Amino acid sequence: MNKKRLSRIAEEIKRVVSQLIQREIKDPRISPLTSITKVEVTNDLSYAKIYISVMGNDEDKENTLTGLKSAKGFIRREIGNRIDLRHAPEPVFYLDESIEQSLYISKLIEEVNREDKDKRGDSND
């Protein structure tokens, strides 16, 4: 299938699932600090790999994944209703920790810069 069309479908699925998580799924296991980072759709549109990021501890992440997996049928039905496709892809959820990793790396860089500044002695003050 055309890569451009797959990309548009993936973005539309990302929009729909984001709306569902924020407004319509009432599962208390799903953290309110959940965001969709990326969606990949297979060439035959049978599966949609949905990568989510959850801010919180490991328990929040596991609970959110469990809640989303239990709402998979509802999410698939809503994707089918809101996007004009012959068959709605099966959503498969994955935890994406890239945002947390980038925050951790930024924190490390700040620490190294601060230590370097302290070692050199700040001549600007």
N, C-alpha and C. Protein backbone atom coordinates (compact mmCIF):
# COMPACT_ATOMS: atom_id res chain seq x y z
N MET A 1 0.85 -1.18 0.00
CA MET A 1 0.00 0.00 0.00
C MET A 1 0.89 1.24 0.00
N ASN A 2 0.37 2.32 -0.48
CA ASN A 2 1.08 3.59 -0.57
C ASN A 2 1.50 4.07 0.83
N LYS A 3 2.79 4.38 0.98
CA LYS A 3 3.30 4.82 2.29
C LYS A 3 2.64 6.11 2.76
N LYS A 4 2.31 6.99 1.82
CA LYS A 4 1.66 8.24 2.18
C LYS A 4 0.27 7.97 2.77
N ARG A 5 -0.45 7.04 2.17
CA ARG A 5 -1.78 6.71 2.67
C ARG A 5 -1.68 6.04 4.04
N LEU A 6 -0.71 5.14 4.20
CA LEU A 6 -0.52 4.49 5.51
C LEU A 6 -0.20 5.52 6.58
N SER A 7 0.61 6.50 6.22
CA SER A 7 0.97 7.55 7.18
C SER A 7 -0.26 8.37 7.58
N ARG A 8 -1.11 8.70 6.62
CA ARG A 8 -2.33 9.46 6.93
C ARG A 8 -3.27 8.65 7.81
N ILE A 9 -3.41 7.36 7.51
CA ILE A 9 -4.27 6.50 8.32
C ILE A 9 -3.72 6.39 9.74
N ALA A 10 -2.40 6.25 9.87
CA ALA A 10 -1.78 6.16 11.20
C ALA A 10 -2.02 7.44 12.00
N GLU A 11 -1.90 8.59 11.37
CA GLU A 11 -2.14 9.86 12.07
C GLU A 11 -3.60 10.00 12.48
N GLU A 12 -4.50 9.53 11.64
CA GLU A 12 -5.93 9.60 11.98
C GLU A 12 -6.24 8.66 13.15
N ILE A 13 -5.64 7.48 13.15
CA ILE A 13 -5.83 6.55 14.26
C ILE A 13 -5.27 7.17 15.54
N LYS A 14 -4.13 7.82 15.45
CA LYS A 14 -3.53 8.49 16.61
C LYS A 14 -4.48 9.54 17.17
N ARG A 15 -5.10 10.32 16.29
CA ARG A 15 -6.04 11.36 16.73
C ARG A 15 -7.26 10.74 17.42
N VAL A 16 -7.82 9.70 16.80
CA VAL A 16 -9.03 9.07 17.34
C VAL A 16 -8.74 8.43 18.69
N VAL A 17 -7.65 7.67 18.80
CA VAL A 17 -7.34 6.98 20.05
C VAL A 17 -7.01 7.99 21.15
N SER A 18 -6.35 9.08 20.81
CA SER A 18 -6.07 10.13 21.80
C SER A 18 -7.37 10.70 22.36
N GLN A 19 -8.32 10.97 21.47
CA GLN A 19 -9.62 11.48 21.92
C GLN A 19 -10.32 10.48 22.82
N LEU A 20 -10.26 9.21 22.43
CA LEU A 20 -10.92 8.18 23.24
C LEU A 20 -10.31 8.11 24.63
N ILE A 21 -8.99 8.14 24.72
CA ILE A 21 -8.33 8.05 26.02
C ILE A 21 -8.66 9.26 26.88
N GLN A 22 -8.65 10.43 26.29
CA GLN A 22 -8.87 11.65 27.07
C GLN A 22 -10.33 11.85 27.48
N ARG A 23 -11.28 11.46 26.62
CA ARG A 23 -12.66 11.85 26.85
C ARG A 23 -13.65 10.72 27.09
N GLU A 24 -13.42 9.55 26.50
CA GLU A 24 -14.50 8.57 26.48
C GLU A 24 -14.25 7.30 27.27
N ILE A 25 -13.02 6.86 27.40
CA ILE A 25 -12.75 5.65 28.16
C ILE A 25 -12.73 6.02 29.64
N LYS A 26 -13.59 5.38 30.41
CA LYS A 26 -13.76 5.73 31.83
C LYS A 26 -13.08 4.76 32.77
N ASP A 27 -12.12 4.00 32.27
CA ASP A 27 -11.43 3.01 33.09
C ASP A 27 -10.50 3.72 34.08
N PRO A 28 -10.66 3.49 35.40
CA PRO A 28 -9.81 4.18 36.37
C PRO A 28 -8.35 3.72 36.34
N ARG A 29 -8.07 2.59 35.69
CA ARG A 29 -6.69 2.11 35.59
C ARG A 29 -5.86 2.96 34.63
N ILE A 30 -6.53 3.62 33.69
CA ILE A 30 -5.82 4.40 32.68
C ILE A 30 -5.45 5.75 33.26
N SER A 31 -4.17 6.05 33.26
CA SER A 31 -3.66 7.29 33.83
C SER A 31 -4.10 8.49 32.99
N PRO A 32 -4.46 9.61 33.64
CA PRO A 32 -4.80 10.81 32.87
C PRO A 32 -3.59 11.43 32.17
N LEU A 33 -2.38 11.01 32.56
CA LEU A 33 -1.17 11.52 31.94
C LEU A 33 -0.65 10.56 30.88
N THR A 34 -1.56 10.04 30.07
CA THR A 34 -1.23 9.11 28.99
C THR A 34 -1.29 9.85 27.67
N SER A 35 -0.27 9.65 26.85
CA SER A 35 -0.28 10.26 25.53
C SER A 35 0.18 9.24 24.49
N ILE A 36 -0.30 9.41 23.28
CA ILE A 36 0.08 8.55 22.16
C ILE A 36 1.29 9.20 21.51
N THR A 37 2.39 8.46 21.43
CA THR A 37 3.60 9.03 20.83
C THR A 37 3.72 8.69 19.36
N LYS A 38 3.28 7.49 18.99
CA LYS A 38 3.43 7.07 17.60
C LYS A 38 2.46 5.95 17.29
N VAL A 39 2.02 5.91 16.02
CA VAL A 39 1.18 4.80 15.56
C VAL A 39 1.78 4.28 14.26
N GLU A 40 1.95 2.98 14.18
CA GLU A 40 2.41 2.33 12.97
C GLU A 40 1.33 1.36 12.52
N VAL A 41 1.02 1.40 11.22
CA VAL A 41 -0.01 0.53 10.68
C VAL A 41 0.66 -0.45 9.72
N THR A 42 0.26 -1.73 9.78
CA THR A 42 0.82 -2.71 8.86
C THR A 42 0.30 -2.44 7.45
N ASN A 43 1.01 -2.96 6.45
CA ASN A 43 0.64 -2.71 5.06
C ASN A 43 -0.76 -3.19 4.71
N ASP A 44 -1.21 -4.27 5.33
CA ASP A 44 -2.55 -4.78 5.03
C ASP A 44 -3.62 -4.21 5.96
N LEU A 45 -3.25 -3.25 6.80
CA LEU A 45 -4.15 -2.58 7.75
C LEU A 45 -4.81 -3.54 8.73
N SER A 46 -4.16 -4.66 9.03
CA SER A 46 -4.75 -5.59 9.99
C SER A 46 -4.39 -5.24 11.43
N TYR A 47 -3.24 -4.58 11.62
CA TYR A 47 -2.80 -4.21 12.97
C TYR A 47 -2.35 -2.75 13.01
N ALA A 48 -2.60 -2.13 14.15
CA ALA A 48 -2.09 -0.78 14.41
C ALA A 48 -1.28 -0.85 15.69
N LYS A 49 0.03 -0.66 15.57
CA LYS A 49 0.90 -0.62 16.74
C LYS A 49 0.81 0.78 17.32
N ILE A 50 0.30 0.88 18.53
CA ILE A 50 0.09 2.16 19.18
C ILE A 50 1.06 2.27 20.35
N TYR A 51 1.96 3.24 20.26
CA TYR A 51 2.96 3.45 21.30
C TYR A 51 2.46 4.54 22.23
N ILE A 52 2.42 4.23 23.53
CA ILE A 52 1.91 5.19 24.51
C ILE A 52 3.01 5.56 25.49
N SER A 53 2.91 6.76 26.00
CA SER A 53 3.81 7.24 27.04
C SER A 53 2.96 7.59 28.25
N VAL A 54 3.37 7.10 29.41
CA VAL A 54 2.64 7.35 30.65
C VAL A 54 3.61 7.97 31.64
N MET A 55 3.27 9.15 32.12
CA MET A 55 4.09 9.78 33.15
C MET A 55 3.62 9.25 34.51
N GLY A 56 4.55 8.70 35.23
CA GLY A 56 4.21 8.13 36.53
C GLY A 56 5.14 6.98 36.86
N ASN A 57 4.78 6.23 37.88
CA ASN A 57 5.62 5.11 38.29
C ASN A 57 5.31 3.86 37.45
N ASP A 58 6.04 2.79 37.70
CA ASP A 58 5.87 1.56 36.92
C ASP A 58 4.48 0.96 37.09
N GLU A 59 3.90 1.10 38.27
CA GLU A 59 2.56 0.57 38.51
C GLU A 59 1.53 1.30 37.65
N ASP A 60 1.65 2.63 37.54
CA ASP A 60 0.75 3.40 36.68
C ASP A 60 0.86 2.95 35.23
N LYS A 61 2.08 2.69 34.78
CA LYS A 61 2.30 2.26 33.40
C LYS A 61 1.65 0.90 33.14
N GLU A 62 1.86 -0.04 34.05
CA GLU A 62 1.28 -1.38 33.88
C GLU A 62 -0.24 -1.33 33.95
N ASN A 63 -0.79 -0.55 34.88
CA ASN A 63 -2.24 -0.42 34.99
C ASN A 63 -2.83 0.20 33.73
N THR A 64 -2.15 1.20 33.17
CA THR A 64 -2.64 1.84 31.96
C THR A 64 -2.63 0.86 30.79
N LEU A 65 -1.55 0.11 30.65
CA LEU A 65 -1.49 -0.90 29.58
C LEU A 65 -2.59 -1.94 29.75
N THR A 66 -2.82 -2.39 30.97
CA THR A 66 -3.87 -3.37 31.24
C THR A 66 -5.24 -2.80 30.89
N GLY A 67 -5.49 -1.55 31.29
CA GLY A 67 -6.77 -0.91 30.99
C GLY A 67 -7.00 -0.74 29.49
N LEU A 68 -5.95 -0.34 28.78
CA LEU A 68 -6.08 -0.17 27.33
C LEU A 68 -6.29 -1.50 26.62
N LYS A 69 -5.62 -2.53 27.10
CA LYS A 69 -5.80 -3.86 26.49
C LYS A 69 -7.22 -4.37 26.72
N SER A 70 -7.79 -4.07 27.87
CA SER A 70 -9.16 -4.51 28.12
C SER A 70 -10.18 -3.69 27.33
N ALA A 71 -9.82 -2.47 26.93
CA ALA A 71 -10.71 -1.62 26.13
C ALA A 71 -10.43 -1.75 24.64
N LYS A 72 -9.62 -2.73 24.26
CA LYS A 72 -9.20 -2.89 22.86
C LYS A 72 -10.39 -3.05 21.91
N GLY A 73 -11.38 -3.81 22.30
CA GLY A 73 -12.56 -4.01 21.45
C GLY A 73 -13.31 -2.72 21.21
N PHE A 74 -13.52 -1.95 22.27
CA PHE A 74 -14.19 -0.65 22.14
C PHE A 74 -13.37 0.28 21.25
N ILE A 75 -12.06 0.31 21.45
CA ILE A 75 -11.20 1.19 20.65
C ILE A 75 -11.25 0.80 19.19
N ARG A 76 -11.20 -0.50 18.91
CA ARG A 76 -11.25 -0.96 17.51
C ARG A 76 -12.58 -0.58 16.87
N ARG A 77 -13.67 -0.76 17.59
CA ARG A 77 -14.99 -0.40 17.05
C ARG A 77 -15.08 1.09 16.75
N GLU A 78 -14.56 1.90 17.66
CA GLU A 78 -14.60 3.35 17.45
C GLU A 78 -13.70 3.78 16.28
N ILE A 79 -12.55 3.13 16.12
CA ILE A 79 -11.70 3.42 14.96
C ILE A 79 -12.48 3.12 13.69
N GLY A 80 -13.17 1.98 13.67
CA GLY A 80 -13.97 1.61 12.50
C GLY A 80 -15.11 2.57 12.23
N ASN A 81 -15.73 3.09 13.29
CA ASN A 81 -16.84 4.03 13.12
C ASN A 81 -16.38 5.40 12.65
N ARG A 82 -15.23 5.85 13.12
CA ARG A 82 -14.79 7.22 12.86
C ARG A 82 -13.89 7.37 11.64
N ILE A 83 -13.29 6.28 11.18
CA ILE A 83 -12.42 6.33 10.01
C ILE A 83 -13.03 5.42 8.95
N ASP A 84 -13.11 5.91 7.74
CA ASP A 84 -13.75 5.16 6.66
C ASP A 84 -12.77 4.13 6.10
N LEU A 85 -12.76 2.94 6.75
CA LEU A 85 -11.93 1.83 6.31
C LEU A 85 -12.80 0.59 6.16
N ARG A 86 -12.39 -0.29 5.27
CA ARG A 86 -13.15 -1.52 5.07
C ARG A 86 -13.09 -2.40 6.32
N HIS A 87 -11.89 -2.54 6.88
CA HIS A 87 -11.71 -3.30 8.12
C HIS A 87 -10.90 -2.44 9.09
N ALA A 88 -11.38 -2.39 10.32
CA ALA A 88 -10.65 -1.62 11.33
C ALA A 88 -9.45 -2.44 11.81
N PRO A 89 -8.28 -1.82 11.90
CA PRO A 89 -7.11 -2.57 12.37
C PRO A 89 -7.21 -2.92 13.85
N GLU A 90 -6.59 -4.01 14.21
CA GLU A 90 -6.53 -4.47 15.60
C GLU A 90 -5.50 -3.62 16.34
N PRO A 91 -5.90 -2.89 17.38
CA PRO A 91 -4.91 -2.08 18.11
C PRO A 91 -4.05 -2.95 19.02
N VAL A 92 -2.74 -2.71 18.97
CA VAL A 92 -1.79 -3.39 19.84
C VAL A 92 -1.00 -2.30 20.55
N PHE A 93 -1.02 -2.30 21.87
CA PHE A 93 -0.41 -1.22 22.64
C PHE A 93 0.97 -1.59 23.13
N TYR A 94 1.89 -0.63 23.01
CA TYR A 94 3.26 -0.78 23.48
C TYR A 94 3.62 0.43 24.33
N LEU A 95 4.43 0.20 25.34
CA LEU A 95 4.88 1.29 26.20
C LEU A 95 6.10 1.95 25.58
N ASP A 96 6.05 3.26 25.42
CA ASP A 96 7.15 4.02 24.83
C ASP A 96 7.74 4.90 25.93
N GLU A 97 8.99 4.64 26.28
CA GLU A 97 9.63 5.39 27.35
C GLU A 97 10.63 6.40 26.82
N SER A 98 10.52 6.78 25.57
CA SER A 98 11.50 7.70 24.99
C SER A 98 11.43 9.09 25.62
N ILE A 99 10.26 9.54 26.00
CA ILE A 99 10.13 10.87 26.61
C ILE A 99 10.85 10.87 27.97
N GLU A 100 10.63 9.83 28.77
CA GLU A 100 11.29 9.76 30.07
C GLU A 100 12.80 9.63 29.91
N GLN A 101 13.24 8.89 28.91
CA GLN A 101 14.68 8.74 28.68
C GLN A 101 15.30 10.08 28.29
N SER A 102 14.60 10.85 27.47
CA SER A 102 15.15 12.15 27.06
C SER A 102 15.19 13.11 28.25
N LEU A 103 14.20 13.05 29.14
CA LEU A 103 14.24 13.88 30.35
C LEU A 103 15.41 13.49 31.25
N TYR A 104 15.67 12.19 31.36
CA TYR A 104 16.77 11.70 32.18
C TYR A 104 18.11 12.16 31.59
N ILE A 105 18.26 12.06 30.27
CA ILE A 105 19.50 12.49 29.62
C ILE A 105 19.70 14.00 29.78
N SER A 106 18.63 14.77 29.65
CA SER A 106 18.73 16.22 29.86
C SER A 106 19.18 16.55 31.28
N LYS A 107 18.66 15.80 32.24
CA LYS A 107 19.05 16.01 33.64
C LYS A 107 20.54 15.70 33.83
N LEU A 108 21.01 14.62 33.22
CA LEU A 108 22.43 14.27 33.32
C LEU A 108 23.32 15.33 32.69
N ILE A 109 22.90 15.86 31.54
CA ILE A 109 23.68 16.91 30.87
C ILE A 109 23.75 18.16 31.75
N GLU A 110 22.63 18.52 32.38
CA GLU A 110 22.63 19.68 33.28
C GLU A 110 23.59 19.47 34.44
N GLU A 111 23.59 18.25 35.01
CA GLU A 111 24.49 17.97 36.12
C GLU A 111 25.95 18.08 35.71
N VAL A 112 26.29 17.54 34.55
CA VAL A 112 27.67 17.61 34.06
C VAL A 112 28.07 19.06 33.81
N ASN A 113 27.19 19.83 33.21
CA ASN A 113 27.48 21.25 32.97
C ASN A 113 27.68 22.00 34.27
N ARG A 114 26.86 21.72 35.27
CA ARG A 114 26.97 22.39 36.56
C ARG A 114 28.29 22.01 37.24
N GLU A 115 28.64 20.71 37.22
CA GLU A 115 29.90 20.27 37.82
C GLU A 115 31.10 20.88 37.09
N ASP A 116 31.03 20.95 35.78
CA ASP A 116 32.11 21.54 34.99
C ASP A 116 32.27 23.03 35.33
N LYS A 117 31.15 23.69 35.48
CA LYS A 117 31.17 25.12 35.81
C LYS A 117 31.78 25.33 37.21
N ASP A 118 31.43 24.44 38.16
CA ASP A 118 31.97 24.55 39.51
C ASP A 118 33.47 24.27 39.53
N LYS A 119 33.94 23.32 38.74
CA LYS A 119 35.35 22.97 38.70
C LYS A 119 36.19 24.11 38.10
N ARG A 120 35.68 24.70 37.04
CA ARG A 120 36.42 25.78 36.38
C ARG A 120 36.37 27.05 37.19
N GLY A 121 35.36 27.21 37.99
CA GLY A 121 35.18 28.44 38.73
C GLY A 121 34.54 29.45 37.78
N ASP A 122 33.43 29.99 38.20
CA ASP A 122 32.69 30.89 37.31
C ASP A 122 33.33 32.27 37.36
N SER A 123 33.96 32.68 36.26
CA SER A 123 34.64 33.97 36.21
C SER A 123 33.69 35.11 35.86
N ASN A 124 32.43 34.78 35.55
CA ASN A 124 31.47 35.83 35.19
C ASN A 124 30.90 36.54 36.40
N ASP A 125 30.94 35.92 37.57
CA ASP A 125 30.34 36.54 38.76
C ASP A 125 31.22 37.58 39.38
